[in-house]
Amino acid sequence: MNGYNEDKLLKKIKILLDDTVDIKIDEKLDEKIGKLPTKTELYKQTDKIMKELKTVREEQSLLSQHSKDNSDRLDNLEKIHPAGIHDFAVN
């Protein structure tokens, strides 16, 4: 009879320990997950970042074209004025 009670007691202790561990794990998870942004907050932040990325890409495109235009202009000026001087100024 004594062995039966010990087995029953050990099973109850195991169940109690398992429940306690599960509760602690759930508490930790809730604590960690509670620090994460909500879907709405995440989407707002993502939208903000995507708008900034779009702006940067548009600016990059404009600056790239502006740089190309300036480079073309300089090439044309160098053809007209080799060595940075006018032909008539040398004579």
PDB file of N, CA and C in Angstrom:
ATOM      1  N   MET A   1       0.814  -1.185   0.000  1.00  0.00           N
ATOM      2  CA  MET A   1       0.000   0.000   0.000  1.00  0.00           C
ATOM      3  C   MET A   1       0.864   1.259   0.000  1.00  0.00           C
ATOM      4  N   ASN A   2       2.006   1.181   0.677  1.00  0.00           N
ATOM      5  CA  ASN A   2       2.898   2.334   0.783  1.00  0.00           C
ATOM      6  C   ASN A   2       3.457   2.723  -0.579  1.00  0.00           C
ATOM      7  N   GLY A   3       3.826   1.738  -1.435  1.00  0.00           N
ATOM      8  CA  GLY A   3       4.354   1.989  -2.768  1.00  0.00           C
ATOM      9  C   GLY A   3       3.322   2.659  -3.656  1.00  0.00           C
ATOM     10  N   TYR A   4       2.062   2.290  -3.485  1.00  0.00           N
ATOM     11  CA  TYR A   4       1.004   2.878  -4.294  1.00  0.00           C
ATOM     12  C   TYR A   4       0.867   4.352  -3.983  1.00  0.00           C
ATOM     13  N   ASN A   5       0.898   4.694  -2.727  1.00  0.00           N
ATOM     14  CA  ASN A   5       0.770   6.092  -2.323  1.00  0.00           C
ATOM     15  C   ASN A   5       1.970   6.911  -2.803  1.00  0.00           C
ATOM     16  N   GLU A   6       3.147   6.307  -2.768  1.00  0.00           N
ATOM     17  CA  GLU A   6       4.345   7.018  -3.234  1.00  0.00           C
ATOM     18  C   GLU A   6       4.272   7.268  -4.737  1.00  0.00           C
ATOM     19  N   ASP A   7       3.841   6.277  -5.490  1.00  0.00           N
ATOM     20  CA  ASP A   7       3.697   6.452  -6.941  1.00  0.00           C
ATOM     21  C   ASP A   7       2.682   7.538  -7.248  1.00  0.00           C
ATOM     22  N   LYS A   8       1.562   7.500  -6.531  1.00  0.00           N
ATOM     23  CA  LYS A   8       0.515   8.485  -6.738  1.00  0.00           C
ATOM     24  C   LYS A   8       1.032   9.883  -6.370  1.00  0.00           C
ATOM     25  N   LEU A   9       1.763   9.970  -5.276  1.00  0.00           N
ATOM     26  CA  LEU A   9       2.330  11.246  -4.829  1.00  0.00           C
ATOM     27  C   LEU A   9       3.360  11.762  -5.830  1.00  0.00           C
ATOM     28  N   LEU A  10       4.225  10.888  -6.355  1.00  0.00           N
ATOM     29  CA  LEU A  10       5.220  11.282  -7.348  1.00  0.00           C
ATOM     30  C   LEU A  10       4.555  11.775  -8.628  1.00  0.00           C
ATOM     31  N   LYS A  11       3.476  11.133  -9.058  1.00  0.00           N
ATOM     32  CA  LYS A  11       2.751  11.577 -10.250  1.00  0.00           C
ATOM     33  C   LYS A  11       2.164  12.971 -10.032  1.00  0.00           C
ATOM     34  N   LYS A  12       1.591  13.184  -8.843  1.00  0.00           N
ATOM     35  CA  LYS A  12       1.015  14.495  -8.540  1.00  0.00           C
ATOM     36  C   LYS A  12       2.096  15.574  -8.487  1.00  0.00           C
ATOM     37  N   ILE A  13       3.254  15.232  -7.927  1.00  0.00           N
ATOM     38  CA  ILE A  13       4.375  16.188  -7.874  1.00  0.00           C
ATOM     39  C   ILE A  13       4.840  16.512  -9.287  1.00  0.00           C
ATOM     40  N   LYS A  14       4.935  15.488 -10.140  1.00  0.00           N
ATOM     41  CA  LYS A  14       5.347  15.711 -11.529  1.00  0.00           C
ATOM     42  C   LYS A  14       4.354  16.617 -12.248  1.00  0.00           C
ATOM     43  N   ILE A  15       3.067  16.373 -12.071  1.00  0.00           N
ATOM     44  CA  ILE A  15       2.037  17.212 -12.692  1.00  0.00           C
ATOM     45  C   ILE A  15       2.150  18.645 -12.181  1.00  0.00           C
ATOM     46  N   LEU A  16       2.343  18.796 -10.889  1.00  0.00           N
ATOM     47  CA  LEU A  16       2.477  20.129 -10.297  1.00  0.00           C
ATOM     48  C   LEU A  16       3.709  20.851 -10.846  1.00  0.00           C
ATOM     49  N   LEU A  17       4.823  20.144 -10.952  1.00  0.00           N
ATOM     50  CA  LEU A  17       6.042  20.740 -11.501  1.00  0.00           C
ATOM     51  C   LEU A  17       5.863  21.112 -12.971  1.00  0.00           C
ATOM     52  N   ASP A  18       5.252  20.213 -13.737  1.00  0.00           N
ATOM     53  CA  ASP A  18       5.000  20.504 -15.161  1.00  0.00           C
ATOM     54  C   ASP A  18       4.122  21.737 -15.312  1.00  0.00           C
ATOM     55  N   ASP A  19       3.075  21.812 -14.499  1.00  0.00           N
ATOM     56  CA  ASP A  19       2.179  22.978 -14.553  1.00  0.00           C
ATOM     57  C   ASP A  19       2.926  24.260 -14.179  1.00  0.00           C
ATOM     58  N   THR A  20       3.767  24.180 -13.156  1.00  0.00           N
ATOM     59  CA  THR A  20       4.532  25.353 -12.719  1.00  0.00           C
ATOM     60  C   THR A  20       5.496  25.810 -13.810  1.00  0.00           C
ATOM     61  N   VAL A  21       6.172  24.864 -14.442  1.00  0.00           N
ATOM     62  CA  VAL A  21       7.097  25.194 -15.529  1.00  0.00           C
ATOM     63  C   VAL A  21       6.332  25.819 -16.694  1.00  0.00           C
ATOM     64  N   ASP A  22       5.194  25.233 -17.053  1.00  0.00           N
ATOM     65  CA  ASP A  22       4.376  25.786 -18.144  1.00  0.00           C
ATOM     66  C   ASP A  22       3.942  27.212 -17.835  1.00  0.00           C
ATOM     67  N   ILE A  23       3.531  27.456 -16.605  1.00  0.00           N
ATOM     68  CA  ILE A  23       3.098  28.799 -16.201  1.00  0.00           C
ATOM     69  C   ILE A  23       4.258  29.782 -16.310  1.00  0.00           C
ATOM     70  N   LYS A  24       5.418  29.391 -15.843  1.00  0.00           N
ATOM     71  CA  LYS A  24       6.597  30.269 -15.909  1.00  0.00           C
ATOM     72  C   LYS A  24       6.990  30.558 -17.352  1.00  0.00           C
ATOM     73  N   ILE A  25       6.955  29.547 -18.185  1.00  0.00           N
ATOM     74  CA  ILE A  25       7.284  29.731 -19.607  1.00  0.00           C
ATOM     75  C   ILE A  25       6.279  30.680 -20.246  1.00  0.00           C
ATOM     76  N   ASP A  26       4.982  30.489 -19.964  1.00  0.00           N
ATOM     77  CA  ASP A  26       3.950  31.377 -20.512  1.00  0.00           C
ATOM     78  C   ASP A  26       4.160  32.815 -20.048  1.00  0.00           C
ATOM     79  N   GLU A  27       4.511  32.991 -18.779  1.00  0.00           N
ATOM     80  CA  GLU A  27       4.762  34.339 -18.258  1.00  0.00           C
ATOM     81  C   GLU A  27       5.930  35.002 -18.985  1.00  0.00           C
ATOM     82  N   LYS A  28       7.006  34.257 -19.183  1.00  0.00           N
ATOM     83  CA  LYS A  28       8.180  34.794 -19.889  1.00  0.00           C
ATOM     84  C   LYS A  28       7.845  35.145 -21.331  1.00  0.00           C
ATOM     85  N   LEU A  29       7.116  34.250 -21.991  1.00  0.00           N
ATOM     86  CA  LEU A  29       6.721  34.517 -23.376  1.00  0.00           C
ATOM     87  C   LEU A  29       5.847  35.762 -23.456  1.00  0.00           C
ATOM     88  N   ASP A  30       4.876  35.871 -22.554  1.00  0.00           N
ATOM     89  CA  ASP A  30       4.001  37.049 -22.536  1.00  0.00           C
ATOM     90  C   ASP A  30       4.815  38.322 -22.309  1.00  0.00           C
ATOM     91  N   GLU A  31       5.809  38.226 -21.429  1.00  0.00           N
ATOM     92  CA  GLU A  31       6.668  39.379 -21.151  1.00  0.00           C
ATOM     93  C   GLU A  31       7.464  39.771 -22.393  1.00  0.00           C
ATOM     94  N   LYS A  32       8.027  38.795 -23.080  1.00  0.00           N
ATOM     95  CA  LYS A  32       8.831  39.070 -24.278  1.00  0.00           C
ATOM     96  C   LYS A  32       7.951  39.542 -25.435  1.00  0.00           C
ATOM     97  N   ILE A  33       6.839  38.864 -25.652  1.00  0.00           N
ATOM     98  CA  ILE A  33       5.946  39.213 -26.754  1.00  0.00           C
ATOM     99  C   ILE A  33       5.311  40.578 -26.511  1.00  0.00           C
ATOM    100  N   GLY A  34       5.078  40.914 -25.271  1.00  0.00           N
ATOM    101  CA  GLY A  34       4.488  42.207 -24.935  1.00  0.00           C
ATOM    102  C   GLY A  34       5.339  43.385 -25.377  1.00  0.00           C
ATOM    103  N   LYS A  35       6.624  43.166 -25.578  1.00  0.00           N
ATOM    104  CA  LYS A  35       7.529  44.227 -26.020  1.00  0.00           C
ATOM    105  C   LYS A  35       7.511  44.409 -27.540  1.00  0.00           C
ATOM    106  N   LEU A  36       6.934  43.457 -28.260  1.00  0.00           N
ATOM    107  CA  LEU A  36       6.876  43.540 -29.715  1.00  0.00           C
ATOM    108  C   LEU A  36       5.786  44.524 -30.131  1.00  0.00           C
ATOM    109  N   PRO A  37       5.984  45.173 -31.287  1.00  0.00           N
ATOM    110  CA  PRO A  37       4.942  46.094 -31.753  1.00  0.00           C
ATOM    111  C   PRO A  37       3.699  45.341 -32.223  1.00  0.00           C
ATOM    112  N   THR A  38       2.575  46.031 -32.183  1.00  0.00           N
ATOM    113  CA  THR A  38       1.349  45.436 -32.709  1.00  0.00           C
ATOM    114  C   THR A  38       1.428  45.438 -34.230  1.00  0.00           C
ATOM    115  N   LYS A  39       0.494  44.742 -34.874  1.00  0.00           N
ATOM    116  CA  LYS A  39       0.469  44.720 -36.337  1.00  0.00           C
ATOM    117  C   LYS A  39       0.335  46.142 -36.881  1.00  0.00           C
ATOM    118  N   THR A  40      -0.555  46.908 -36.276  1.00  0.00           N
ATOM    119  CA  THR A  40      -0.796  48.274 -36.734  1.00  0.00           C
ATOM    120  C   THR A  40       0.476  49.114 -36.613  1.00  0.00           C
ATOM    121  N   GLU A  41       1.152  49.004 -35.479  1.00  0.00           N
ATOM    122  CA  GLU A  41       2.409  49.750 -35.288  1.00  0.00           C
ATOM    123  C   GLU A  41       3.462  49.306 -36.299  1.00  0.00           C
ATOM    124  N   LEU A  42       3.549  48.012 -36.528  1.00  0.00           N
ATOM    125  CA  LEU A  42       4.519  47.475 -37.484  1.00  0.00           C
ATOM    126  C   LEU A  42       4.221  47.982 -38.892  1.00  0.00           C
ATOM    127  N   TYR A  43       2.953  47.944 -39.296  1.00  0.00           N
ATOM    128  CA  TYR A  43       2.577  48.415 -40.631  1.00  0.00           C
ATOM    129  C   TYR A  43       2.838  49.909 -40.791  1.00  0.00           C
ATOM    130  N   LYS A  44       2.543  50.697 -39.749  1.00  0.00           N
ATOM    131  CA  LYS A  44       2.812  52.140 -39.818  1.00  0.00           C
ATOM    132  C   LYS A  44       4.300  52.398 -39.998  1.00  0.00           C
ATOM    133  N   GLN A  45       5.124  51.702 -39.239  1.00  0.00           N
ATOM    134  CA  GLN A  45       6.574  51.879 -39.327  1.00  0.00           C
ATOM    135  C   GLN A  45       7.089  51.411 -40.692  1.00  0.00           C
ATOM    136  N   THR A  46       6.549  50.307 -41.177  1.00  0.00           N
ATOM    137  CA  THR A  46       6.946  49.797 -42.489  1.00  0.00           C
ATOM    138  C   THR A  46       6.552  50.775 -43.586  1.00  0.00           C
ATOM    139  N   ASP A  47       5.346  51.335 -43.493  1.00  0.00           N
ATOM    140  CA  ASP A  47       4.910  52.331 -44.479  1.00  0.00           C
ATOM    141  C   ASP A  47       5.840  53.535 -44.474  1.00  0.00           C
ATOM    142  N   LYS A  48       6.201  53.982 -43.295  1.00  0.00           N
ATOM    143  CA  LYS A  48       7.096  55.138 -43.171  1.00  0.00           C
ATOM    144  C   LYS A  48       8.445  54.844 -43.834  1.00  0.00           C
ATOM    145  N   ILE A  49       8.988  53.666 -43.577  1.00  0.00           N
ATOM    146  CA  ILE A  49      10.279  53.276 -44.150  1.00  0.00           C
ATOM    147  C   ILE A  49      10.168  53.146 -45.667  1.00  0.00           C
ATOM    148  N   MET A  50       9.077  52.566 -46.143  1.00  0.00           N
ATOM    149  CA  MET A  50       8.899  52.400 -47.592  1.00  0.00           C
ATOM    150  C   MET A  50       8.772  53.753 -48.291  1.00  0.00           C
ATOM    151  N   LYS A  51       8.094  54.713 -47.658  1.00  0.00           N
ATOM    152  CA  LYS A  51       7.978  56.060 -48.237  1.00  0.00           C
ATOM    153  C   LYS A  51       9.351  56.705 -48.325  1.00  0.00           C
ATOM    154  N   GLU A  52      10.135  56.546 -47.263  1.00  0.00           N
ATOM    155  CA  GLU A  52      11.486  57.109 -47.282  1.00  0.00           C
ATOM    156  C   GLU A  52      12.343  56.447 -48.352  1.00  0.00           C
ATOM    157  N   LEU A  53      12.220  55.147 -48.505  1.00  0.00           N
ATOM    158  CA  LEU A  53      12.964  54.423 -49.537  1.00  0.00           C
ATOM    159  C   LEU A  53      12.564  54.909 -50.923  1.00  0.00           C
ATOM    160  N   LYS A  54      11.272  55.118 -51.129  1.00  0.00           N
ATOM    161  CA  LYS A  54      10.789  55.617 -52.417  1.00  0.00           C
ATOM    162  C   LYS A  54      11.372  57.008 -52.691  1.00  0.00           C
ATOM    163  N   THR A  55      11.379  57.860 -51.665  1.00  0.00           N
ATOM    164  CA  THR A  55      11.937  59.205 -51.815  1.00  0.00           C
ATOM    165  C   THR A  55      13.416  59.143 -52.162  1.00  0.00           C
ATOM    166  N   VAL A  56      14.150  58.282 -51.484  1.00  0.00           N
ATOM    167  CA  VAL A  56      15.587  58.145 -51.747  1.00  0.00           C
ATOM    168  C   VAL A  56      15.821  57.671 -53.172  1.00  0.00           C
ATOM    169  N   ARG A  57      15.037  56.725 -53.624  1.00  0.00           N
ATOM    170  CA  ARG A  57      15.200  56.216 -54.990  1.00  0.00           C
ATOM    171  C   ARG A  57      14.876  57.298 -56.023  1.00  0.00           C
ATOM    172  N   GLU A  58      13.835  58.074 -55.753  1.00  0.00           N
ATOM    173  CA  GLU A  58      13.491  59.159 -56.681  1.00  0.00           C
ATOM    174  C   GLU A  58      14.599  60.209 -56.715  1.00  0.00           C
ATOM    175  N   GLU A  59      15.108  60.561 -55.531  1.00  0.00           N
ATOM    176  CA  GLU A  59      16.193  61.541 -55.466  1.00  0.00           C
ATOM    177  C   GLU A  59      17.443  61.014 -56.166  1.00  0.00           C
ATOM    178  N   GLN A  60      17.728  59.738 -55.965  1.00  0.00           N
ATOM    179  CA  GLN A  60      18.898  59.131 -56.604  1.00  0.00           C
ATOM    180  C   GLN A  60      18.763  59.194 -58.119  1.00  0.00           C
ATOM    181  N   SER A  61      17.576  58.914 -58.604  1.00  0.00           N
ATOM    182  CA  SER A  61      17.340  58.960 -60.037  1.00  0.00           C
ATOM    183  C   SER A  61      17.529  60.378 -60.577  1.00  0.00           C
ATOM    184  N   LEU A  62      16.969  61.352 -59.863  1.00  0.00           N
ATOM    185  CA  LEU A  62      17.120  62.750 -60.285  1.00  0.00           C
ATOM    186  C   LEU A  62      18.579  63.192 -60.249  1.00  0.00           C
ATOM    187  N   LEU A  63      19.266  62.852 -59.171  1.00  0.00           N
ATOM    188  CA  LEU A  63      20.674  63.247 -59.045  1.00  0.00           C
ATOM    189  C   LEU A  63      21.536  62.550 -60.094  1.00  0.00           C
ATOM    190  N   SER A  64      21.217  61.316 -60.390  1.00  0.00           N
ATOM    191  CA  SER A  64      21.963  60.585 -61.408  1.00  0.00           C
ATOM    192  C   SER A  64      21.794  61.259 -62.770  1.00  0.00           C
ATOM    193  N   GLN A  65      20.565  61.638 -63.088  1.00  0.00           N
ATOM    194  CA  GLN A  65      20.316  62.320 -64.357  1.00  0.00           C
ATOM    195  C   GLN A  65      21.002  63.681 -64.372  1.00  0.00           C
ATOM    196  N   HIS A  66      20.939  64.391 -63.256  1.00  0.00           N
ATOM    197  CA  HIS A  66      21.589  65.703 -63.156  1.00  0.00           C
ATOM    198  C   HIS A  66      23.105  65.564 -63.350  1.00  0.00           C
ATOM    199  N   SER A  67      23.675  64.552 -62.742  1.00  0.00           N
ATOM    200  CA  SER A  67      25.111  64.304 -62.876  1.00  0.00           C
ATOM    201  C   SER A  67      25.470  63.970 -64.320  1.00  0.00           C
ATOM    202  N   LYS A  68      24.643  63.151 -64.968  1.00  0.00           N
ATOM    203  CA  LYS A  68      24.886  62.800 -66.370  1.00  0.00           C
ATOM    204  C   LYS A  68      24.801  64.042 -67.256  1.00  0.00           C
ATOM    205  N   ASP A  69      23.799  64.881 -66.993  1.00  0.00           N
ATOM    206  CA  ASP A  69      23.655  66.121 -67.772  1.00  0.00           C
ATOM    207  C   ASP A  69      24.890  67.007 -67.613  1.00  0.00           C
ATOM    208  N   ASN A  70      25.362  67.147 -66.378  1.00  0.00           N
ATOM    209  CA  ASN A  70      26.564  67.965 -66.137  1.00  0.00           C
ATOM    210  C   ASN A  70      27.792  67.370 -66.812  1.00  0.00           C
ATOM    211  N   SER A  71      27.902  66.039 -66.761  1.00  0.00           N
ATOM    212  CA  SER A  71      29.036  65.380 -67.395  1.00  0.00           C
ATOM    213  C   SER A  71      29.008  65.586 -68.910  1.00  0.00           C
ATOM    214  N   ASP A  72      27.815  65.438 -69.480  1.00  0.00           N
ATOM    215  CA  ASP A  72      27.676  65.678 -70.924  1.00  0.00           C
ATOM    216  C   ASP A  72      28.025  67.123 -71.272  1.00  0.00           C
ATOM    217  N   ARG A  73      27.561  68.045 -70.443  1.00  0.00           N
ATOM    218  CA  ARG A  73      27.837  69.470 -70.685  1.00  0.00           C
ATOM    219  C   ARG A  73      29.341  69.740 -70.628  1.00  0.00           C
ATOM    220  N   LEU A  74      30.007  69.171 -69.629  1.00  0.00           N
ATOM    221  CA  LEU A  74      31.457  69.352 -69.513  1.00  0.00           C
ATOM    222  C   LEU A  74      32.188  68.754 -70.717  1.00  0.00           C
ATOM    223  N   ASP A  75      31.752  67.580 -71.150  1.00  0.00           N
ATOM    224  CA  ASP A  75      32.366  66.962 -72.338  1.00  0.00           C
ATOM    225  C   ASP A  75      32.226  67.879 -73.555  1.00  0.00           C
ATOM    226  N   ASN A  76      31.048  68.444 -73.735  1.00  0.00           N
ATOM    227  CA  ASN A  76      30.814  69.353 -74.864  1.00  0.00           C
ATOM    228  C   ASN A  76      31.679  70.612 -74.751  1.00  0.00           C
ATOM    229  N   LEU A  77      31.792  71.150 -73.544  1.00  0.00           N
ATOM    230  CA  LEU A  77      32.629  72.340 -73.354  1.00  0.00           C
ATOM    231  C   LEU A  77      34.105  72.036 -73.605  1.00  0.00           C
ATOM    232  N   GLU A  78      34.546  70.854 -73.193  1.00  0.00           N
ATOM    233  CA  GLU A  78      35.940  70.479 -73.419  1.00  0.00           C
ATOM    234  C   GLU A  78      36.232  70.285 -74.903  1.00  0.00           C
ATOM    235  N   LYS A  79      35.237  69.855 -75.666  1.00  0.00           N
ATOM    236  CA  LYS A  79      35.419  69.739 -77.110  1.00  0.00           C
ATOM    237  C   LYS A  79      35.562  71.122 -77.749  1.00  0.00           C
ATOM    238  N   ILE A  80      34.762  72.056 -77.269  1.00  0.00           N
ATOM    239  CA  ILE A  80      34.794  73.417 -77.810  1.00  0.00           C
ATOM    240  C   ILE A  80      36.046  74.153 -77.342  1.00  0.00           C
ATOM    241  N   HIS A  81      36.427  73.933 -76.081  1.00  0.00           N
ATOM    242  CA  HIS A  81      37.559  74.647 -75.478  1.00  0.00           C
ATOM    243  C   HIS A  81      38.592  73.648 -74.952  1.00  0.00           C
ATOM    244  N   PRO A  82      39.401  73.090 -75.815  1.00  0.00           N
ATOM    245  CA  PRO A  82      40.414  72.131 -75.341  1.00  0.00           C
ATOM    246  C   PRO A  82      41.385  72.818 -74.383  1.00  0.00           C
ATOM    247  N   ALA A  83      41.789  72.129 -73.386  1.00  0.00           N
ATOM    248  CA  ALA A  83      42.724  72.625 -72.366  1.00  0.00           C
ATOM    249  C   ALA A  83      42.140  73.792 -71.594  1.00  0.00           C
ATOM    250  N   GLY A  84      40.824  73.983 -71.670  1.00  0.00           N
ATOM    251  CA  GLY A  84      40.173  75.025 -70.884  1.00  0.00           C
ATOM    252  C   GLY A  84      40.376  76.435 -71.377  1.00  0.00           C
ATOM    253  N   ILE A  85      40.845  76.618 -72.611  1.00  0.00           N
ATOM    254  CA  ILE A  85      41.059  77.971 -73.145  1.00  0.00           C
ATOM    255  C   ILE A  85      40.376  78.093 -74.484  1.00  0.00           C
ATOM    256  N   HIS A  86      40.069  79.332 -74.847  1.00  0.00           N
ATOM    257  CA  HIS A  86      39.471  79.586 -76.163  1.00  0.00           C
ATOM    258  C   HIS A  86      40.578  79.612 -77.217  1.00  0.00           C
ATOM    259  N   ASP A  87      40.222  79.146 -78.405  1.00  0.00           N
ATOM    260  CA  ASP A  87      41.194  79.142 -79.497  1.00  0.00           C
ATOM    261  C   ASP A  87      41.652  80.567 -79.832  1.00  0.00           C
ATOM    262  N   PHE A  88      40.750  81.489 -79.794  1.00  0.00           N
ATOM    263  CA  PHE A  88      41.139  82.861 -80.172  1.00  0.00           C
ATOM    264  C   PHE A  88      41.995  83.535 -79.118  1.00  0.00           C
ATOM    265  N   ALA A  89      41.966  83.054 -77.867  1.00  0.00           N
ATOM    266  CA  ALA A  89      42.776  83.666 -76.812  1.00  0.00           C
ATOM    267  C   ALA A  89      44.251  83.306 -76.984  1.00  0.00           C
ATOM    268  N   VAL A  90      44.534  82.202 -77.634  1.00  0.00           N
ATOM    269  CA  VAL A  90      45.915  81.777 -77.827  1.00  0.00           C
ATOM    270  C   VAL A  90      46.589  82.630 -78.891  1.00  0.00           C
ATOM    271  N   ASN A  91      45.886  83.022 -79.907  1.00  0.00           N
ATOM    272  CA  ASN A  91      46.457  83.772 -81.031  1.00  0.00           C
ATOM    273  C   ASN A  91      46.817  85.151 -80.660  1.00  0.00           C
TER     274      ASN A  91
END
